[in-house]
Amino acid sequence: MNAADILDVDVIEGSLTPAIVGRGVLVFKSTSSTNDVAWEYSRNAANDGLAVFAESQSSGRGRRGNKWLSGDSASILCSILLIDFPAGPELMTTASAIAVAEAVINFSSVNARLKWPNDVMINGKKAAGILLESRPGAGANNYVIGIGLNVHQPRGFFESTELLMPATSLDIETGSFNNRNQLASELLRSFDRWLEIAKSNPQKIVDRWSSLSTQLGTLVTVEYNQQRFSGNCIGVDPAAGLILQLDKGGVRMFDASHTTIVKHL
């Protein structure tokens, strides 16, 4: 392993001037889940903006109970704690996906795109996922945003693993070694920026999602409450979720917490 690539609090924090995200940074060699660690710190409002990183986690999770697979020291595994944050879950999911995609774009210049609600894609393959968890706070929701971003995995890692969709890593797509400390700093800067935008200008979140979306203007099939709906994706609503012009007529919105994208049959 490249010694400069081992996650280091001082290196990650060194280039940050955070408004919120990254005001505290923790790095663990191993943990069950960075989301679980972040929630443990939520009892103290002074931990607002805390970012928790781990080299490996034994029980990393994705949406709908899926397990997040990584490999030791191969990914950015991070959870961001926000206390009493004044934005709803749909807007937070969208803003978080944008923040990860923008960090990847700014760091590596690859063409990262978004697959609603929480996947970051590169060349049609999943490179990152986001898991948003929320709990009631004193005045608004408390959030933990979990991020798994593939960095050093070789092609064989994904070929030997049963995955729900094709996956890739930043090293594969760039053909070069990507320093995770530098990438972690870029990720926190990106979150700091886009979460401030989420508070002040939700329309800018919608506009940026539209420019990065792989689904806008395409036929999409979703599963919602054990029913399937198909239609043309015409946008995303910051409060209500994905907007479809249904094949059978009418416009309907689907929130991220109850909806899964499925392959069109």
Foldseek 3Di string as FASTA:
>chain_A
DPPLQPADLCLLQVPDDFPFASPAEEEEQEEQAQLVVLVVPQVDQVCGNYKYWYQYHNADAAAPGHGDDADGNFKTKMKTKHAQQPADPLLVQLLLQLLLQVLLCVQQVFQWFDEPDFFIDGPQATFKGWDWDWDQHPHHIIIMIIMIGGAHDDPVVQVVDDDPTHHDHSCVVRVHHGRVSVSSSSSRVSSSVSSVCSVPPSVVSFVSNVVRHPQAQHWWWKAFPNDIWIAHFPTADRHFGTWGQTPVGDIDGHGRNGMDTDDDD
